[in-house]
C-alpha cells in the first residue's frame, strides 16, 4: 500500500449522499494506519477509516458513476 495515500478517492457506496472524497489527514504506523476523508462537496463531514479498508474497498481517484437508484 502506497504511503502517504493519494488525495482523491471514490467510495464503493454512497456515504451521506456522497461518493467522491478527499484525504484531509492521515497517520498511524504499520497495521494501525488510518486516513481521514471528507466529501468534496462538504468539507465539514470528516470521518476516519483504516488504510487497509481504503485500499481494499475504495477506488483511488474519482471515477464517473451512474446515479444511485433509491
PDB file of N, CA and C in Angstrom:
ATOM      1  N   UNK A   1       0.838  -1.181   0.000  1.00  0.00           N
ATOM      2  CA  UNK A   1       0.000   0.000   0.000  1.00  0.00           C
ATOM      3  C   UNK A   1       0.883   1.245   0.000  1.00  0.00           C
ATOM      4  N   UNK A   2       0.528   2.142  -0.870  1.00  0.00           N
ATOM      5  CA  UNK A   2       1.297   3.377  -1.002  1.00  0.00           C
ATOM      6  C   UNK A   2       1.078   4.260   0.232  1.00  0.00           C
ATOM      7  N   UNK A   3       2.174   4.828   0.740  1.00  0.00           N
ATOM      8  CA  UNK A   3       2.100   5.747   1.875  1.00  0.00           C
ATOM      9  C   UNK A   3       2.917   6.970   1.566  1.00  0.00           C
ATOM     10  N   UNK A   4       2.431   8.164   1.693  1.00  0.00           N
ATOM     11  CA  UNK A   4       1.057   8.519   2.031  1.00  0.00           C
ATOM     12  C   UNK A   4       0.104   8.184   0.878  1.00  0.00           C
ATOM     13  N   UNK A   5      -1.177   8.047   1.205  1.00  0.00           N
ATOM     14  CA  UNK A   5      -2.160   7.669   0.188  1.00  0.00           C
ATOM     15  C   UNK A   5      -2.441   8.821  -0.782  1.00  0.00           C
ATOM     16  N   UNK A   6      -2.934   8.502  -1.987  1.00  0.00           N
ATOM     17  CA  UNK A   6      -3.347   9.551  -2.931  1.00  0.00           C
ATOM     18  C   UNK A   6      -4.447  10.425  -2.331  1.00  0.00           C
ATOM     19  N   UNK A   7      -4.628  11.609  -2.854  1.00  0.00           N
ATOM     20  CA  UNK A   7      -5.587  12.582  -2.312  1.00  0.00           C
ATOM     21  C   UNK A   7      -7.045  12.306  -2.631  1.00  0.00           C
ATOM     22  N   UNK A   8      -7.356  11.718  -3.785  1.00  0.00           N
ATOM     23  CA  UNK A   8      -8.741  11.585  -4.245  1.00  0.00           C
ATOM     24  C   UNK A   8      -9.185  10.128  -4.269  1.00  0.00           C
ATOM     25  N   UNK A   9     -10.421   9.880  -3.768  1.00  0.00           N
ATOM     26  CA  UNK A   9     -10.953   8.519  -3.683  1.00  0.00           C
ATOM     27  C   UNK A   9     -12.433   8.483  -4.016  1.00  0.00           C
ATOM     28  N   UNK A  10     -12.879   7.341  -4.543  1.00  0.00           N
ATOM     29  CA  UNK A  10     -14.289   7.108  -4.817  1.00  0.00           C
ATOM     30  C   UNK A  10     -14.766   5.981  -3.913  1.00  0.00           C
ATOM     31  N   UNK A  11     -15.844   6.233  -3.202  1.00  0.00           N
ATOM     32  CA  UNK A  11     -16.418   5.263  -2.273  1.00  0.00           C
ATOM     33  C   UNK A  11     -17.174   4.174  -3.035  1.00  0.00           C
ATOM     34  N   UNK A  12     -17.139   2.924  -2.537  1.00  0.00           N
ATOM     35  CA  UNK A  12     -17.898   1.859  -3.195  1.00  0.00           C
ATOM     36  C   UNK A  12     -19.408   2.026  -3.028  1.00  0.00           C
ATOM     37  N   UNK A  13     -19.822   2.755  -2.003  1.00  0.00           N
ATOM     38  CA  UNK A  13     -21.236   3.010  -1.722  1.00  0.00           C
ATOM     39  C   UNK A  13     -21.400   4.467  -1.315  1.00  0.00           C
ATOM     40  N   UNK A  14     -22.595   4.978  -1.483  1.00  0.00           N
ATOM     41  CA  UNK A  14     -22.884   6.349  -1.082  1.00  0.00           C
ATOM     42  C   UNK A  14     -22.760   6.494   0.427  1.00  0.00           C
ATOM     43  N   UNK A  15     -22.073   7.539   0.865  1.00  0.00           N
ATOM     44  CA  UNK A  15     -21.936   7.854   2.290  1.00  0.00           C
ATOM     45  C   UNK A  15     -22.507   9.241   2.502  1.00  0.00           C
ATOM     46  N   UNK A  16     -23.650   9.316   3.173  1.00  0.00           N
ATOM     47  CA  UNK A  16     -24.347  10.587   3.395  1.00  0.00           C
ATOM     48  C   UNK A  16     -24.572  11.350   2.092  1.00  0.00           C
ATOM     49  N   UNK A  17     -24.909  10.620   1.027  1.00  0.00           N
ATOM     50  CA  UNK A  17     -25.205  11.241  -0.253  1.00  0.00           C
ATOM     51  C   UNK A  17     -23.997  11.558  -1.117  1.00  0.00           C
ATOM     52  N   UNK A  18     -22.812  11.119  -0.724  1.00  0.00           N
ATOM     53  CA  UNK A  18     -21.585  11.439  -1.459  1.00  0.00           C
ATOM     54  C   UNK A  18     -20.834  10.171  -1.850  1.00  0.00           C
ATOM     55  N   UNK A  19     -20.100  10.247  -2.963  1.00  0.00           N
ATOM     56  CA  UNK A  19     -19.262   9.135  -3.409  1.00  0.00           C
ATOM     57  C   UNK A  19     -17.806   9.552  -3.637  1.00  0.00           C
ATOM     58  N   UNK A  20     -17.552  10.855  -3.834  1.00  0.00           N
ATOM     59  CA  UNK A  20     -16.196  11.333  -4.093  1.00  0.00           C
ATOM     60  C   UNK A  20     -15.644  12.047  -2.859  1.00  0.00           C
ATOM     61  N   UNK A  21     -14.428  11.644  -2.465  1.00  0.00           N
ATOM     62  CA  UNK A  21     -13.831  12.128  -1.229  1.00  0.00           C
ATOM     63  C   UNK A  21     -12.383  12.532  -1.434  1.00  0.00           C
ATOM     64  N   UNK A  22     -11.909  13.378  -0.513  1.00  0.00           N
ATOM     65  CA  UNK A  22     -10.516  13.798  -0.500  1.00  0.00           C
ATOM     66  C   UNK A  22      -9.913  13.478   0.864  1.00  0.00           C
ATOM     67  N   UNK A  23      -8.604  13.263   0.870  1.00  0.00           N
ATOM     68  CA  UNK A  23      -7.891  12.988   2.113  1.00  0.00           C
ATOM     69  C   UNK A  23      -7.648  14.298   2.840  1.00  0.00           C
ATOM     70  N   UNK A  24      -8.025  14.348   4.117  1.00  0.00           N
ATOM     71  CA  UNK A  24      -7.794  15.524   4.966  1.00  0.00           C
ATOM     72  C   UNK A  24      -6.508  15.335   5.767  1.00  0.00           C
ATOM     73  N   UNK A  25      -6.357  14.123   6.323  1.00  0.00           N
ATOM     74  CA  UNK A  25      -5.235  13.838   7.201  1.00  0.00           C
ATOM     75  C   UNK A  25      -4.990  12.340   7.199  1.00  0.00           C
ATOM     76  N   UNK A  26      -3.828  11.929   7.650  1.00  0.00           N
ATOM     77  CA  UNK A  26      -3.514  10.508   7.767  1.00  0.00           C
ATOM     78  C   UNK A  26      -2.464  10.327   8.845  1.00  0.00           C
ATOM     79  N   UNK A  27      -2.382   9.110   9.373  1.00  0.00           N
ATOM     80  CA  UNK A  27      -1.414   8.865  10.428  1.00  0.00           C
ATOM     81  C   UNK A  27      -1.370   7.403  10.823  1.00  0.00           C
ATOM     82  N   UNK A  28      -0.713   7.153  11.949  1.00  0.00           N
ATOM     83  CA  UNK A  28      -0.556   5.798  12.444  1.00  0.00           C
ATOM     84  C   UNK A  28       0.702   5.147  11.905  1.00  0.00           C
ATOM     85  N   UNK A  29       0.964   3.928  12.389  1.00  0.00           N
ATOM     86  CA  UNK A  29       2.139   3.172  11.964  1.00  0.00           C
ATOM     87  C   UNK A  29       1.746   1.727  11.702  1.00  0.00           C
ATOM     88  N   UNK A  30       2.405   1.137  10.720  1.00  0.00           N
ATOM     89  CA  UNK A  30       2.189  -0.281  10.428  1.00  0.00           C
ATOM     90  C   UNK A  30       0.738  -0.598  10.115  1.00  0.00           C
ATOM     91  N   UNK A  31       0.205  -1.636  10.770  1.00  0.00           N
ATOM     92  CA  UNK A  31      -1.182  -2.068  10.546  1.00  0.00           C
ATOM     93  C   UNK A  31      -2.213  -1.128  11.160  1.00  0.00           C
ATOM     94  N   UNK A  32      -1.777  -0.127  11.898  1.00  0.00           N
ATOM     95  CA  UNK A  32      -2.708   0.797  12.551  1.00  0.00           C
ATOM     96  C   UNK A  32      -2.801   2.134  11.819  1.00  0.00           C
ATOM     97  N   UNK A  33      -2.426   2.162  10.549  1.00  0.00           N
ATOM     98  CA  UNK A  33      -2.520   3.405   9.782  1.00  0.00           C
ATOM     99  C   UNK A  33      -3.975   3.717   9.463  1.00  0.00           C
ATOM    100  N   UNK A  34      -4.297   5.007   9.445  1.00  0.00           N
ATOM    101  CA  UNK A  34      -5.655   5.480   9.200  1.00  0.00           C
ATOM    102  C   UNK A  34      -5.620   6.680   8.266  1.00  0.00           C
ATOM    103  N   UNK A  35      -6.809   6.993   7.721  1.00  0.00           N
ATOM    104  CA  UNK A  35      -6.977   8.128   6.815  1.00  0.00           C
ATOM    105  C   UNK A  35      -8.259   8.843   7.186  1.00  0.00           C
ATOM    106  N   UNK A  36      -8.220  10.178   7.256  1.00  0.00           N
ATOM    107  CA  UNK A  36      -9.426  10.982   7.444  1.00  0.00           C
ATOM    108  C   UNK A  36      -9.840  11.515   6.084  1.00  0.00           C
ATOM    109  N   UNK A  37     -11.105  11.299   5.743  1.00  0.00           N
ATOM    110  CA  UNK A  37     -11.648  11.706   4.448  1.00  0.00           C
ATOM    111  C   UNK A  37     -12.800  12.677   4.629  1.00  0.00           C
ATOM    112  N   UNK A  38     -13.036  13.505   3.609  1.00  0.00           N
ATOM    113  CA  UNK A  38     -14.209  14.378   3.604  1.00  0.00           C
ATOM    114  C   UNK A  38     -14.781  14.409   2.196  1.00  0.00           C
ATOM    115  N   UNK A  39     -16.120  14.536   2.071  1.00  0.00           N
ATOM    116  CA  UNK A  39     -16.736  14.634   0.746  1.00  0.00           C
ATOM    117  C   UNK A  39     -16.294  15.922   0.052  1.00  0.00           C
ATOM    118  N   UNK A  40     -16.121  15.859  -1.256  1.00  0.00           N
ATOM    119  CA  UNK A  40     -15.666  17.043  -1.988  1.00  0.00           C
ATOM    120  C   UNK A  40     -16.650  18.197  -1.889  1.00  0.00           C
ATOM    121  N   UNK A  41     -17.932  17.909  -1.650  1.00  0.00           N
ATOM    122  CA  UNK A  41     -18.943  18.967  -1.575  1.00  0.00           C
ATOM    123  C   UNK A  41     -19.320  19.348  -0.152  1.00  0.00           C
ATOM    124  N   UNK A  42     -18.674  18.753   0.839  1.00  0.00           N
ATOM    125  CA  UNK A  42     -18.990  19.052   2.248  1.00  0.00           C
ATOM    126  C   UNK A  42     -17.731  18.869   3.088  1.00  0.00           C
ATOM    127  N   UNK A  43     -16.922  19.895   3.151  1.00  0.00           N
ATOM    128  CA  UNK A  43     -15.632  19.802   3.820  1.00  0.00           C
ATOM    129  C   UNK A  43     -15.723  19.658   5.347  1.00  0.00           C
ATOM    130  N   UNK A  44     -16.929  19.754   5.906  1.00  0.00           N
ATOM    131  CA  UNK A  44     -17.098  19.638   7.357  1.00  0.00           C
ATOM    132  C   UNK A  44     -17.434  18.231   7.820  1.00  0.00           C
ATOM    133  N   UNK A  45     -17.766  17.329   6.918  1.00  0.00           N
ATOM    134  CA  UNK A  45     -18.135  15.955   7.274  1.00  0.00           C
ATOM    135  C   UNK A  45     -16.910  15.048   7.172  1.00  0.00           C
ATOM    136  N   UNK A  46     -16.094  15.049   8.192  1.00  0.00           N
ATOM    137  CA  UNK A  46     -14.851  14.280   8.187  1.00  0.00           C
ATOM    138  C   UNK A  46     -15.067  12.968   8.937  1.00  0.00           C
ATOM    139  N   UNK A  47     -14.546  11.866   8.372  1.00  0.00           N
ATOM    140  CA  UNK A  47     -14.589  10.582   9.073  1.00  0.00           C
ATOM    141  C   UNK A  47     -13.274   9.850   8.849  1.00  0.00           C
ATOM    142  N   UNK A  48     -12.997   8.876   9.712  1.00  0.00           N
ATOM    143  CA  UNK A  48     -11.732   8.151   9.685  1.00  0.00           C
ATOM    144  C   UNK A  48     -11.981   6.687   9.367  1.00  0.00           C
ATOM    145  N   UNK A  49     -11.136   6.127   8.470  1.00  0.00           N
ATOM    146  CA  UNK A  49     -11.166   4.693   8.187  1.00  0.00           C
ATOM    147  C   UNK A  49      -9.726   4.173   8.178  1.00  0.00           C
ATOM    148  N   UNK A  50      -9.585   2.865   8.267  1.00  0.00           N
ATOM    149  CA  UNK A  50      -8.250   2.269   8.242  1.00  0.00           C
ATOM    150  C   UNK A  50      -7.689   2.324   6.819  1.00  0.00           C
ATOM    151  N   UNK A  51      -6.388   2.378   6.721  1.00  0.00           N
ATOM    152  CA  UNK A  51      -5.736   2.387   5.417  1.00  0.00           C
ATOM    153  C   UNK A  51      -6.041   1.079   4.691  1.00  0.00           C
ATOM    154  N   UNK A  52      -6.111  -0.006   5.424  1.00  0.00           N
ATOM    155  CA  UNK A  52      -6.423  -1.313   4.839  1.00  0.00           C
ATOM    156  C   UNK A  52      -7.803  -1.285   4.176  1.00  0.00           C
ATOM    157  N   UNK A  53      -8.817  -0.730   4.848  1.00  0.00           N
ATOM    158  CA  UNK A  53     -10.157  -0.625   4.273  1.00  0.00           C
ATOM    159  C   UNK A  53     -10.141   0.267   3.031  1.00  0.00           C
ATOM    160  N   UNK A  54      -9.422   1.372   3.104  1.00  0.00           N
ATOM    161  CA  UNK A  54      -9.349   2.303   1.981  1.00  0.00           C
ATOM    162  C   UNK A  54      -8.845   1.597   0.729  1.00  0.00           C
ATOM    163  N   UNK A  55      -7.738   0.883   0.844  1.00  0.00           N
ATOM    164  CA  UNK A  55      -7.153   0.232  -0.322  1.00  0.00           C
ATOM    165  C   UNK A  55      -7.906  -1.012  -0.769  1.00  0.00           C
ATOM    166  N   UNK A  56      -8.610  -1.682   0.134  1.00  0.00           N
ATOM    167  CA  UNK A  56      -9.306  -2.912  -0.258  1.00  0.00           C
ATOM    168  C   UNK A  56     -10.706  -2.662  -0.806  1.00  0.00           C
ATOM    169  N   UNK A  57     -11.356  -1.560  -0.403  1.00  0.00           N
ATOM    170  CA  UNK A  57     -12.745  -1.339  -0.798  1.00  0.00           C
ATOM    171  C   UNK A  57     -12.975  -0.103  -1.673  1.00  0.00           C
ATOM    172  N   UNK A  58     -12.126   0.876  -1.598  1.00  0.00           N
ATOM    173  CA  UNK A  58     -12.316   2.127  -2.321  1.00  0.00           C
ATOM    174  C   UNK A  58     -11.487   2.134  -3.607  1.00  0.00           C
ATOM    175  N   UNK A  59     -11.803   3.092  -4.505  1.00  0.00           N
ATOM    176  CA  UNK A  59     -11.065   3.259  -5.754  1.00  0.00           C
ATOM    177  C   UNK A  59     -10.270   4.553  -5.685  1.00  0.00           C
ATOM    178  N   UNK A  60      -8.985   4.435  -5.945  1.00  0.00           N
ATOM    179  CA  UNK A  60      -8.131   5.625  -5.954  1.00  0.00           C
ATOM    180  C   UNK A  60      -8.505   6.488  -7.149  1.00  0.00           C
ATOM    181  N   UNK A  61      -8.649   7.760  -6.941  1.00  0.00           N
ATOM    182  CA  UNK A  61      -9.053   8.803  -7.897  1.00  0.00           C
ATOM    183  C   UNK A  61     -10.573   8.868  -7.974  1.00  0.00           C
ATOM    184  N   UNK A  62     -11.067   9.828  -8.708  1.00  0.00           N
ATOM    185  CA  UNK A  62     -12.512   9.988  -8.878  1.00  0.00           C
ATOM    186  C   UNK A  62     -12.900   9.319 -10.183  1.00  0.00           C
ATOM    187  N   UNK A  63     -13.928   8.493 -10.130  1.00  0.00           N
ATOM    188  CA  UNK A  63     -14.416   7.845 -11.344  1.00  0.00           C
ATOM    189  C   UNK A  63     -15.856   8.288 -11.596  1.00  0.00           C
ATOM    190  N   UNK A  64     -16.248   8.305 -12.857  1.00  0.00           N
ATOM    191  CA  UNK A  64     -17.630   8.651 -13.202  1.00  0.00           C
ATOM    192  C   UNK A  64     -18.538   7.513 -12.777  1.00  0.00           C
ATOM    193  N   UNK A  65     -19.638   7.855 -12.143  1.00  0.00           N
ATOM    194  CA  UNK A  65     -20.564   6.855 -11.610  1.00  0.00           C
ATOM    195  C   UNK A  65     -21.967   7.099 -12.095  1.00  0.00           C
ATOM    196  N   UNK A  66     -22.727   6.021 -12.295  1.00  0.00           N
ATOM    197  CA  UNK A  66     -24.149   6.215 -12.572  1.00  0.00           C
ATOM    198  C   UNK A  66     -24.844   6.667 -11.293  1.00  0.00           C
ATOM    199  N   UNK A  67     -25.965   7.337 -11.420  1.00  0.00           N
ATOM    200  CA  UNK A  67     -26.708   7.777 -10.230  1.00  0.00           C
ATOM    201  C   UNK A  67     -27.212   6.568  -9.477  1.00  0.00           C
ATOM    202  N   UNK A  68     -27.223   6.667  -8.138  1.00  0.00           N
ATOM    203  CA  UNK A  68     -27.766   5.599  -7.300  1.00  0.00           C
ATOM    204  C   UNK A  68     -29.272   5.500  -7.496  1.00  0.00           C
ATOM    205  N   UNK A  69     -29.780   4.306  -7.512  1.00  0.00           N
ATOM    206  CA  UNK A  69     -31.217   4.095  -7.599  1.00  0.00           C
ATOM    207  C   UNK A  69     -31.728   3.868  -6.190  1.00  0.00           C
ATOM    208  N   UNK A  70     -32.624   4.724  -5.738  1.00  0.00           N
ATOM    209  CA  UNK A  70     -33.162   4.611  -4.371  1.00  0.00           C
ATOM    210  C   UNK A  70     -34.550   4.062  -4.389  1.00  0.00           C
TER     211      UNK A  70
END
